[in-house]
Amino acid sequence: MKFVEELSQTTDKSLARTLMSTLTTTKFEGSRIMHEYVIEMTNIVVRLKSLGMVVNEGFSCRLF
């Protein structure tokens, strides 16, 4: 059981790292509509929060 918990934590950390990378490097380039970009960024923030990470509202506002 302990092995499963450790594996889960490792997976969560890896996912959080990937999501943070996507959140900080994705830019609106005009190749799709703004609505899709905003929804994608919002979904990433929600997923990070579900992993227990705090995403400061000031940070997320700068993405939009």
PDB file of N, CA and C in Angstrom:
ATOM      1  N   MET A   1       0.823  -1.189   0.000  1.00  0.00           N
ATOM      2  CA  MET A   1       0.000   0.000   0.000  1.00  0.00           C
ATOM      3  C   MET A   1       0.872   1.260   0.000  1.00  0.00           C
ATOM      4  N   LYS A   2       1.971   1.217   0.767  1.00  0.00           N
ATOM      5  CA  LYS A   2       2.863   2.360   0.835  1.00  0.00           C
ATOM      6  C   LYS A   2       3.489   2.635  -0.533  1.00  0.00           C
ATOM      7  N   PHE A   3       3.815   1.582  -1.264  1.00  0.00           N
ATOM      8  CA  PHE A   3       4.390   1.717  -2.598  1.00  0.00           C
ATOM      9  C   PHE A   3       3.427   2.468  -3.518  1.00  0.00           C
ATOM     10  N   VAL A   4       2.152   2.138  -3.435  1.00  0.00           N
ATOM     11  CA  VAL A   4       1.139   2.777  -4.281  1.00  0.00           C
ATOM     12  C   VAL A   4       1.041   4.262  -3.936  1.00  0.00           C
ATOM     13  N   GLU A   5       1.093   4.603  -2.658  1.00  0.00           N
ATOM     14  CA  GLU A   5       1.036   6.000  -2.248  1.00  0.00           C
ATOM     15  C   GLU A   5       2.248   6.775  -2.769  1.00  0.00           C
ATOM     16  N   GLU A   6       3.433   6.173  -2.667  1.00  0.00           N
ATOM     17  CA  GLU A   6       4.644   6.825  -3.151  1.00  0.00           C
ATOM     18  C   GLU A   6       4.600   7.017  -4.664  1.00  0.00           C
ATOM     19  N   LEU A   7       4.113   6.019  -5.362  1.00  0.00           N
ATOM     20  CA  LEU A   7       3.990   6.101  -6.811  1.00  0.00           C
ATOM     21  C   LEU A   7       3.003   7.199  -7.196  1.00  0.00           C
ATOM     22  N   SER A   8       1.906   7.289  -6.458  1.00  0.00           N
ATOM     23  CA  SER A   8       0.907   8.312  -6.715  1.00  0.00           C
ATOM     24  C   SER A   8       1.487   9.704  -6.504  1.00  0.00           C
ATOM     25  N   GLN A   9       2.280   9.884  -5.447  1.00  0.00           N
ATOM     26  CA  GLN A   9       2.886  11.185  -5.178  1.00  0.00           C
ATOM     27  C   GLN A   9       3.872  11.558  -6.280  1.00  0.00           C
ATOM     28  N   THR A  10       4.634  10.596  -6.745  1.00  0.00           N
ATOM     29  CA  THR A  10       5.587  10.846  -7.832  1.00  0.00           C
ATOM     30  C   THR A  10       4.847  11.248  -9.101  1.00  0.00           C
ATOM     31  N   THR A  11       3.759  10.564  -9.396  1.00  0.00           N
ATOM     32  CA  THR A  11       2.952  10.878 -10.576  1.00  0.00           C
ATOM     33  C   THR A  11       2.358  12.268 -10.454  1.00  0.00           C
ATOM     34  N   ASP A  12       1.843  12.619  -9.262  1.00  0.00           N
ATOM     35  CA  ASP A  12       1.272  13.944  -9.038  1.00  0.00           C
ATOM     36  C   ASP A  12       2.316  15.040  -9.229  1.00  0.00           C
ATOM     37  N   LYS A  13       3.521  14.821  -8.728  1.00  0.00           N
ATOM     38  CA  LYS A  13       4.582  15.816  -8.880  1.00  0.00           C
ATOM     39  C   LYS A  13       4.954  15.992 -10.346  1.00  0.00           C
ATOM     40  N   SER A  14       5.021  14.896 -11.066  1.00  0.00           N
ATOM     41  CA  SER A  14       5.355  14.955 -12.486  1.00  0.00           C
ATOM     42  C   SER A  14       4.267  15.696 -13.266  1.00  0.00           C
ATOM     43  N   LEU A  15       3.020  15.386 -12.957  1.00  0.00           N
ATOM     44  CA  LEU A  15       1.897  16.053 -13.619  1.00  0.00           C
ATOM     45  C   LEU A  15       1.901  17.537 -13.294  1.00  0.00           C
ATOM     46  N   ALA A  16       2.132  17.885 -12.036  1.00  0.00           N
ATOM     47  CA  ALA A  16       2.170  19.289 -11.627  1.00  0.00           C
ATOM     48  C   ALA A  16       3.277  20.031 -12.365  1.00  0.00           C
ATOM     49  N   ARG A  17       4.438  19.407 -12.500  1.00  0.00           N
ATOM     50  CA  ARG A  17       5.557  20.012 -13.214  1.00  0.00           C
ATOM     51  C   ARG A  17       5.181  20.259 -14.679  1.00  0.00           C
ATOM     52  N   THR A  18       4.542  19.286 -15.295  1.00  0.00           N
ATOM     53  CA  THR A  18       4.128  19.424 -16.697  1.00  0.00           C
ATOM     54  C   THR A  18       3.088  20.535 -16.849  1.00  0.00           C
ATOM     55  N   LEU A  19       2.119  20.566 -15.945  1.00  0.00           N
ATOM     56  CA  LEU A  19       1.072  21.588 -16.018  1.00  0.00           C
ATOM     57  C   LEU A  19       1.649  22.991 -15.808  1.00  0.00           C
ATOM     58  N   MET A  20       2.565  23.132 -14.837  1.00  0.00           N
ATOM     59  CA  MET A  20       3.184  24.439 -14.601  1.00  0.00           C
ATOM     60  C   MET A  20       3.985  24.888 -15.818  1.00  0.00           C
ATOM     61  N   SER A  21       4.675  23.951 -16.433  1.00  0.00           N
ATOM     62  CA  SER A  21       5.436  24.279 -17.631  1.00  0.00           C
ATOM     63  C   SER A  21       4.510  24.753 -18.749  1.00  0.00           C
ATOM     64  N   THR A  22       3.430  24.044 -18.951  1.00  0.00           N
ATOM     65  CA  THR A  22       2.456  24.426 -19.974  1.00  0.00           C
ATOM     66  C   THR A  22       1.845  25.782 -19.663  1.00  0.00           C
ATOM     67  N   LEU A  23       1.516  25.995 -18.388  1.00  0.00           N
ATOM     68  CA  LEU A  23       0.886  27.244 -17.964  1.00  0.00           C
ATOM     69  C   LEU A  23       1.802  28.440 -18.188  1.00  0.00           C
ATOM     70  N   THR A  24       3.079  28.257 -17.954  1.00  0.00           N
ATOM     71  CA  THR A  24       4.008  29.390 -18.056  1.00  0.00           C
ATOM     72  C   THR A  24       4.575  29.609 -19.454  1.00  0.00           C
ATOM     73  N   THR A  25       4.463  28.627 -20.331  1.00  0.00           N
ATOM     74  CA  THR A  25       5.055  28.795 -21.664  1.00  0.00           C
ATOM     75  C   THR A  25       4.035  28.986 -22.784  1.00  0.00           C
ATOM     76  N   THR A  26       2.785  28.622 -22.548  1.00  0.00           N
ATOM     77  CA  THR A  26       1.768  28.762 -23.590  1.00  0.00           C
ATOM     78  C   THR A  26       1.388  30.223 -23.753  1.00  0.00           C
ATOM     79  N   LYS A  27       1.391  30.674 -24.988  1.00  0.00           N
ATOM     80  CA  LYS A  27       1.039  32.062 -25.279  1.00  0.00           C
ATOM     81  C   LYS A  27      -0.078  32.089 -26.312  1.00  0.00           C
ATOM     82  N   PHE A  28      -0.900  33.123 -26.232  1.00  0.00           N
ATOM     83  CA  PHE A  28      -1.935  33.299 -27.242  1.00  0.00           C
ATOM     84  C   PHE A  28      -1.279  33.825 -28.504  1.00  0.00           C
ATOM     85  N   GLU A  29      -1.410  33.068 -29.575  1.00  0.00           N
ATOM     86  CA  GLU A  29      -0.756  33.431 -30.834  1.00  0.00           C
ATOM     87  C   GLU A  29      -1.742  33.808 -31.934  1.00  0.00           C
ATOM     88  N   GLY A  30      -3.030  33.755 -31.626  1.00  0.00           N
ATOM     89  CA  GLY A  30      -4.024  34.135 -32.609  1.00  0.00           C
ATOM     90  C   GLY A  30      -4.399  33.033 -33.577  1.00  0.00           C
ATOM     91  N   SER A  31      -3.841  31.823 -33.390  1.00  0.00           N
ATOM     92  CA  SER A  31      -4.152  30.728 -34.299  1.00  0.00           C
ATOM     93  C   SER A  31      -5.488  30.066 -33.970  1.00  0.00           C
ATOM     94  N   ARG A  32      -6.054  30.421 -32.846  1.00  0.00           N
ATOM     95  CA  ARG A  32      -7.386  29.942 -32.458  1.00  0.00           C
ATOM     96  C   ARG A  32      -8.070  31.087 -31.736  1.00  0.00           C
ATOM     97  N   ILE A  33      -9.318  30.884 -31.378  1.00  0.00           N
ATOM     98  CA  ILE A  33     -10.040  31.992 -30.756  1.00  0.00           C
ATOM     99  C   ILE A  33      -9.616  32.166 -29.297  1.00  0.00           C
ATOM    100  N   MET A  34      -9.730  33.384 -28.798  1.00  0.00           N
ATOM    101  CA  MET A  34      -9.316  33.721 -27.435  1.00  0.00           C
ATOM    102  C   MET A  34     -10.063  32.875 -26.408  1.00  0.00           C
ATOM    103  N   HIS A  35     -11.308  32.591 -26.666  1.00  0.00           N
ATOM    104  CA  HIS A  35     -12.124  31.796 -25.737  1.00  0.00           C
ATOM    105  C   HIS A  35     -11.474  30.439 -25.460  1.00  0.00           C
ATOM    106  N   GLU A  36     -10.979  29.778 -26.487  1.00  0.00           N
ATOM    107  CA  GLU A  36     -10.331  28.472 -26.314  1.00  0.00           C
ATOM    108  C   GLU A  36      -9.072  28.588 -25.465  1.00  0.00           C
ATOM    109  N   TYR A  37      -8.304  29.640 -25.688  1.00  0.00           N
ATOM    110  CA  TYR A  37      -7.091  29.869 -24.912  1.00  0.00           C
ATOM    111  C   TYR A  37      -7.424  30.070 -23.426  1.00  0.00           C
ATOM    112  N   VAL A  38      -8.412  30.903 -23.156  1.00  0.00           N
ATOM    113  CA  VAL A  38      -8.803  31.190 -21.770  1.00  0.00           C
ATOM    114  C   VAL A  38      -9.312  29.921 -21.092  1.00  0.00           C
ATOM    115  N   ILE A  39     -10.115  29.139 -21.778  1.00  0.00           N
ATOM    116  CA  ILE A  39     -10.626  27.887 -21.212  1.00  0.00           C
ATOM    117  C   ILE A  39      -9.477  26.930 -20.914  1.00  0.00           C
ATOM    118  N   GLU A  40      -8.517  26.809 -21.826  1.00  0.00           N
ATOM    119  CA  GLU A  40      -7.378  25.921 -21.617  1.00  0.00           C
ATOM    120  C   GLU A  40      -6.567  26.346 -20.391  1.00  0.00           C
ATOM    121  N   MET A  41      -6.288  27.632 -20.258  1.00  0.00           N
ATOM    122  CA  MET A  41      -5.518  28.131 -19.114  1.00  0.00           C
ATOM    123  C   MET A  41      -6.293  27.927 -17.806  1.00  0.00           C
ATOM    124  N   THR A  42      -7.589  28.176 -17.841  1.00  0.00           N
ATOM    125  CA  THR A  42      -8.427  27.981 -16.651  1.00  0.00           C
ATOM    126  C   THR A  42      -8.434  26.516 -16.237  1.00  0.00           C
ATOM    127  N   ASN A  43      -8.538  25.619 -17.197  1.00  0.00           N
ATOM    128  CA  ASN A  43      -8.527  24.186 -16.894  1.00  0.00           C
ATOM    129  C   ASN A  43      -7.205  23.757 -16.256  1.00  0.00           C
ATOM    130  N   ILE A  44      -6.105  24.306 -16.722  1.00  0.00           N
ATOM    131  CA  ILE A  44      -4.805  23.974 -16.135  1.00  0.00           C
ATOM    132  C   ILE A  44      -4.734  24.452 -14.694  1.00  0.00           C
ATOM    133  N   VAL A  45      -5.213  25.658 -14.422  1.00  0.00           N
ATOM    134  CA  VAL A  45      -5.215  26.191 -13.060  1.00  0.00           C
ATOM    135  C   VAL A  45      -6.069  25.313 -12.149  1.00  0.00           C
ATOM    136  N   VAL A  46      -7.222  24.885 -12.622  1.00  0.00           N
ATOM    137  CA  VAL A  46      -8.103  24.024 -11.822  1.00  0.00           C
ATOM    138  C   VAL A  46      -7.429  22.688 -11.540  1.00  0.00           C
ATOM    139  N   ARG A  47      -6.756  22.126 -12.530  1.00  0.00           N
ATOM    140  CA  ARG A  47      -6.059  20.845 -12.323  1.00  0.00           C
ATOM    141  C   ARG A  47      -4.931  20.992 -11.311  1.00  0.00           C
ATOM    142  N   LEU A  48      -4.202  22.104 -11.369  1.00  0.00           N
ATOM    143  CA  LEU A  48      -3.137  22.343 -10.390  1.00  0.00           C
ATOM    144  C   LEU A  48      -3.718  22.470  -8.981  1.00  0.00           C
ATOM    145  N   LYS A  49      -4.827  23.177  -8.863  1.00  0.00           N
ATOM    146  CA  LYS A  49      -5.463  23.327  -7.550  1.00  0.00           C
ATOM    147  C   LYS A  49      -5.942  21.982  -7.021  1.00  0.00           C
ATOM    148  N   SER A  50      -6.407  21.100  -7.912  1.00  0.00           N
ATOM    149  CA  SER A  50      -6.865  19.776  -7.476  1.00  0.00           C
ATOM    150  C   SER A  50      -5.707  18.919  -6.977  1.00  0.00           C
ATOM    151  N   LEU A  51      -4.487  19.264  -7.404  1.00  0.00           N
ATOM    152  CA  LEU A  51      -3.295  18.558  -6.935  1.00  0.00           C
ATOM    153  C   LEU A  51      -2.745  19.172  -5.652  1.00  0.00           C
ATOM    154  N   GLY A  52      -3.444  20.189  -5.155  1.00  0.00           N
ATOM    155  CA  GLY A  52      -3.033  20.824  -3.907  1.00  0.00           C
ATOM    156  C   GLY A  52      -2.085  21.991  -4.077  1.00  0.00           C
ATOM    157  N   MET A  53      -1.855  22.416  -5.304  1.00  0.00           N
ATOM    158  CA  MET A  53      -0.968  23.558  -5.535  1.00  0.00           C
ATOM    159  C   MET A  53      -1.782  24.844  -5.492  1.00  0.00           C
ATOM    160  N   VAL A  54      -1.187  25.854  -4.919  1.00  0.00           N
ATOM    161  CA  VAL A  54      -1.840  27.159  -4.842  1.00  0.00           C
ATOM    162  C   VAL A  54      -1.374  27.994  -6.029  1.00  0.00           C
ATOM    163  N   VAL A  55      -2.332  28.438  -6.815  1.00  0.00           N
ATOM    164  CA  VAL A  55      -2.015  29.312  -7.941  1.00  0.00           C
ATOM    165  C   VAL A  55      -2.553  30.692  -7.574  1.00  0.00           C
ATOM    166  N   ASN A  56      -1.644  31.610  -7.310  1.00  0.00           N
ATOM    167  CA  ASN A  56      -2.000  32.955  -6.910  1.00  0.00           C
ATOM    168  C   ASN A  56      -2.867  33.592  -7.987  1.00  0.00           C
ATOM    169  N   GLU A  57      -3.922  34.269  -7.571  1.00  0.00           N
ATOM    170  CA  GLU A  57      -4.826  34.880  -8.538  1.00  0.00           C
ATOM    171  C   GLU A  57      -4.113  35.946  -9.368  1.00  0.00           C
ATOM    172  N   GLY A  58      -3.153  36.629  -8.774  1.00  0.00           N
ATOM    173  CA  GLY A  58      -2.381  37.623  -9.519  1.00  0.00           C
ATOM    174  C   GLY A  58      -1.602  36.989 -10.652  1.00  0.00           C
ATOM    175  N   PHE A  59      -1.070  35.789 -10.414  1.00  0.00           N
ATOM    176  CA  PHE A  59      -0.345  35.061 -11.456  1.00  0.00           C
ATOM    177  C   PHE A  59      -1.284  34.653 -12.574  1.00  0.00           C
ATOM    178  N   SER A  60      -2.430  34.066 -12.203  1.00  0.00           N
ATOM    179  CA  SER A  60      -3.345  33.587 -13.236  1.00  0.00           C
ATOM    180  C   SER A  60      -3.961  34.726 -14.018  1.00  0.00           C
ATOM    181  N   CYS A  61      -4.121  35.911 -13.412  1.00  0.00           N
ATOM    182  CA  CYS A  61      -4.667  37.041 -14.140  1.00  0.00           C
ATOM    183  C   CYS A  61      -3.697  37.528 -15.209  1.00  0.00           C
ATOM    184  N   ARG A  62      -2.379  37.393 -14.974  1.00  0.00           N
ATOM    185  CA  ARG A  62      -1.394  37.813 -15.964  1.00  0.00           C
ATOM    186  C   ARG A  62      -1.408  36.927 -17.200  1.00  0.00           C
ATOM    187  N   LEU A  63      -1.963  35.722 -17.081  1.00  0.00           N
ATOM    188  CA  LEU A  63      -2.015  34.813 -18.223  1.00  0.00           C
ATOM    189  C   LEU A  63      -3.052  35.264 -19.236  1.00  0.00           C
ATOM    190  N   PHE A  64      -4.010  36.035 -18.786  1.00  0.00           N
ATOM    191  CA  PHE A  64      -5.098  36.432 -19.652  1.00  0.00           C
ATOM    192  C   PHE A  64      -4.918  37.878 -20.006  1.00  0.00           C
TER     193      PHE A  64
END
